[in-house]
Protein backbone atom coordinates (compact mmCIF):
# COMPACT_ATOMS: atom_id res chain seq x y z
CA MET A 1 66.85 115.21 117.41
CA THR A 2 68.50 111.83 117.59
CA ASP A 3 67.11 109.19 119.94
CA PRO A 4 68.77 109.86 123.30
CA LEU A 5 68.11 106.31 124.53
CA ALA A 6 70.06 104.84 121.62
CA ARG A 7 72.97 107.22 122.22
CA LEU A 8 72.99 106.59 125.97
CA ARG A 9 72.69 102.82 125.52
CA ALA A 10 75.69 102.79 123.15
CA LEU A 11 77.82 104.76 125.68
CA CYS A 12 76.92 102.42 128.48
CA LEU A 13 77.22 99.14 126.62
CA ALA A 14 80.66 100.14 125.27
CA LEU A 15 82.07 99.71 128.79
CA PRO A 16 83.49 96.41 130.11
CA GLU A 17 81.03 93.80 131.40
CA VAL A 18 78.01 96.20 131.33
CA THR A 19 74.60 94.59 131.12
CA GLU A 20 71.18 96.16 130.43
CA LYS A 21 67.97 95.21 132.19
CA VAL A 22 64.63 96.88 132.75
CA SER A 23 64.36 98.16 136.30
CA HIS A 24 61.39 100.13 137.59
CA GLY A 25 60.08 100.11 134.05
CA GLU A 26 63.06 101.80 132.52
CA PRO A 27 66.26 100.67 130.74
CA THR A 28 69.02 100.43 133.38
CA TRP A 29 72.71 99.60 132.98
CA PHE A 30 74.72 97.59 135.50
CA VAL A 31 78.29 96.72 136.13
CA ARG A 32 77.38 94.24 138.85
CA LYS A 33 75.47 97.22 140.47
CA THR A 34 73.39 99.97 138.81
CA PHE A 35 75.37 102.88 137.44
CA VAL A 36 72.91 104.52 134.97
CA MET A 37 69.11 104.57 134.85
CA TYR A 38 67.14 105.99 131.99
CA ALA A 39 64.12 108.14 132.97
CA ASP A 40 61.59 108.63 130.15
CA ARG A 41 59.10 110.93 131.84
CA HIS A 42 59.07 108.41 134.71
CA HIS A 43 58.76 110.95 137.52
CA ASP A 44 57.98 114.14 135.61
CA ASP A 45 57.48 115.25 131.98
CA ARG A 46 61.21 115.25 131.21
CA VAL A 47 63.51 112.73 129.48
CA ALA A 48 66.68 112.27 131.43
CA PHE A 49 69.01 109.73 133.01
CA TRP A 50 70.21 109.29 136.58
CA CYS A 51 73.74 108.07 137.32
CA ALA A 52 76.24 107.41 140.08
CA ALA A 53 78.67 110.29 140.43
CA PRO A 54 81.92 111.04 142.24
CA PRO A 55 81.66 112.94 145.55
CA GLY A 56 80.73 116.58 144.99
CA ALA A 57 79.88 116.16 141.29
CA GLN A 58 76.15 116.39 141.69
CA GLU A 59 76.38 119.75 143.52
CA ALA A 60 78.92 121.17 141.05
CA PHE A 61 76.92 120.24 137.92
CA VAL A 62 73.61 121.41 139.34
CA ALA A 63 75.07 124.70 140.49
CA THR A 64 76.80 125.30 137.13
CA ALA A 65 73.90 124.32 134.79
CA PRO A 66 70.56 123.80 136.58
CA THR A 67 68.69 123.64 133.27
CA ARG A 68 70.73 120.56 132.29
CA PHE A 69 71.42 118.84 135.57
CA PHE A 70 69.33 118.05 138.65
CA ARG A 71 69.27 116.03 141.88
CA PRO A 72 67.16 112.96 141.03
CA PRO A 73 64.57 111.54 143.35
CA TYR A 74 65.37 108.50 145.53
CA VAL A 75 69.10 108.33 144.64
CA GLY A 76 69.97 112.07 144.80
CA GLY A 77 70.65 111.84 148.51
CA ARG A 78 73.44 109.36 147.70
CA GLY A 79 75.10 111.92 145.39
CA TRP A 80 73.68 110.57 142.10
CA LEU A 81 73.36 113.06 139.22
CA GLY A 82 70.34 113.66 136.98
CA VAL A 83 71.02 114.72 133.39
CA TYR A 84 68.20 116.04 131.15
CA LEU A 85 68.30 114.69 127.64
CA ASP A 86 65.32 116.76 126.28
CA VAL A 87 67.32 120.00 126.02
CA ASP A 88 68.37 121.63 122.78
CA ASP A 89 72.09 121.55 123.55
CA VAL A 90 72.77 118.02 124.62
CA ASP A 91 76.55 117.76 124.94
CA TRP A 92 77.21 114.08 124.07
CA PRO A 93 81.01 114.23 124.64
CA GLU A 94 80.30 115.57 128.14
CA ILE A 95 77.64 112.89 128.69
CA GLY A 96 80.19 110.31 127.63
CA GLU A 97 82.51 111.54 130.41
CA ILE A 98 79.64 111.55 132.95
CA VAL A 99 78.78 107.93 132.03
CA LEU A 100 82.40 106.94 132.37
CA ASP A 101 82.61 108.62 135.79
CA ALA A 102 79.42 106.78 136.83
CA TYR A 103 81.01 103.50 135.72
CA ARG A 104 84.17 104.23 137.64
CA ALA A 105 82.14 105.04 140.77
CA VAL A 106 80.50 101.63 140.78
CA ALA A 107 82.70 99.15 138.85
CA PRO A 108 85.17 96.91 140.60
CA LYS A 109 88.80 98.11 140.35
CA LYS A 110 89.81 95.23 138.11
CA LEU A 111 87.27 96.49 135.48
CA THR A 112 88.15 100.16 135.81
CA ALA A 113 91.77 99.13 135.16
CA LEU A 114 90.69 97.96 131.67
CA LEU A 115 89.61 101.47 130.64
């Protein structure tokens, strides 16, 4: 299994004006505000990430594939999506789209126009 942190980091840092900092002990990516947070067994024994999501996306993903997606603590009430990275069938193209949607949900319009 490839390092999920390295793959996630590459997806996030490929987007305009994204920075990475440690927040709450985990790598976190910002486009002025947080849009993706890594979760390396931070709240349970799972490796995952939490991200901003468009309205209704959290419910749709969790209902469709609850073994791969979840409502994360703290930010789940704001519609953020949790994505497990310790599953056998990590769909990196889909994760790329989820990260892009998270970026679009948080980034200023002038930056999303660059995509």
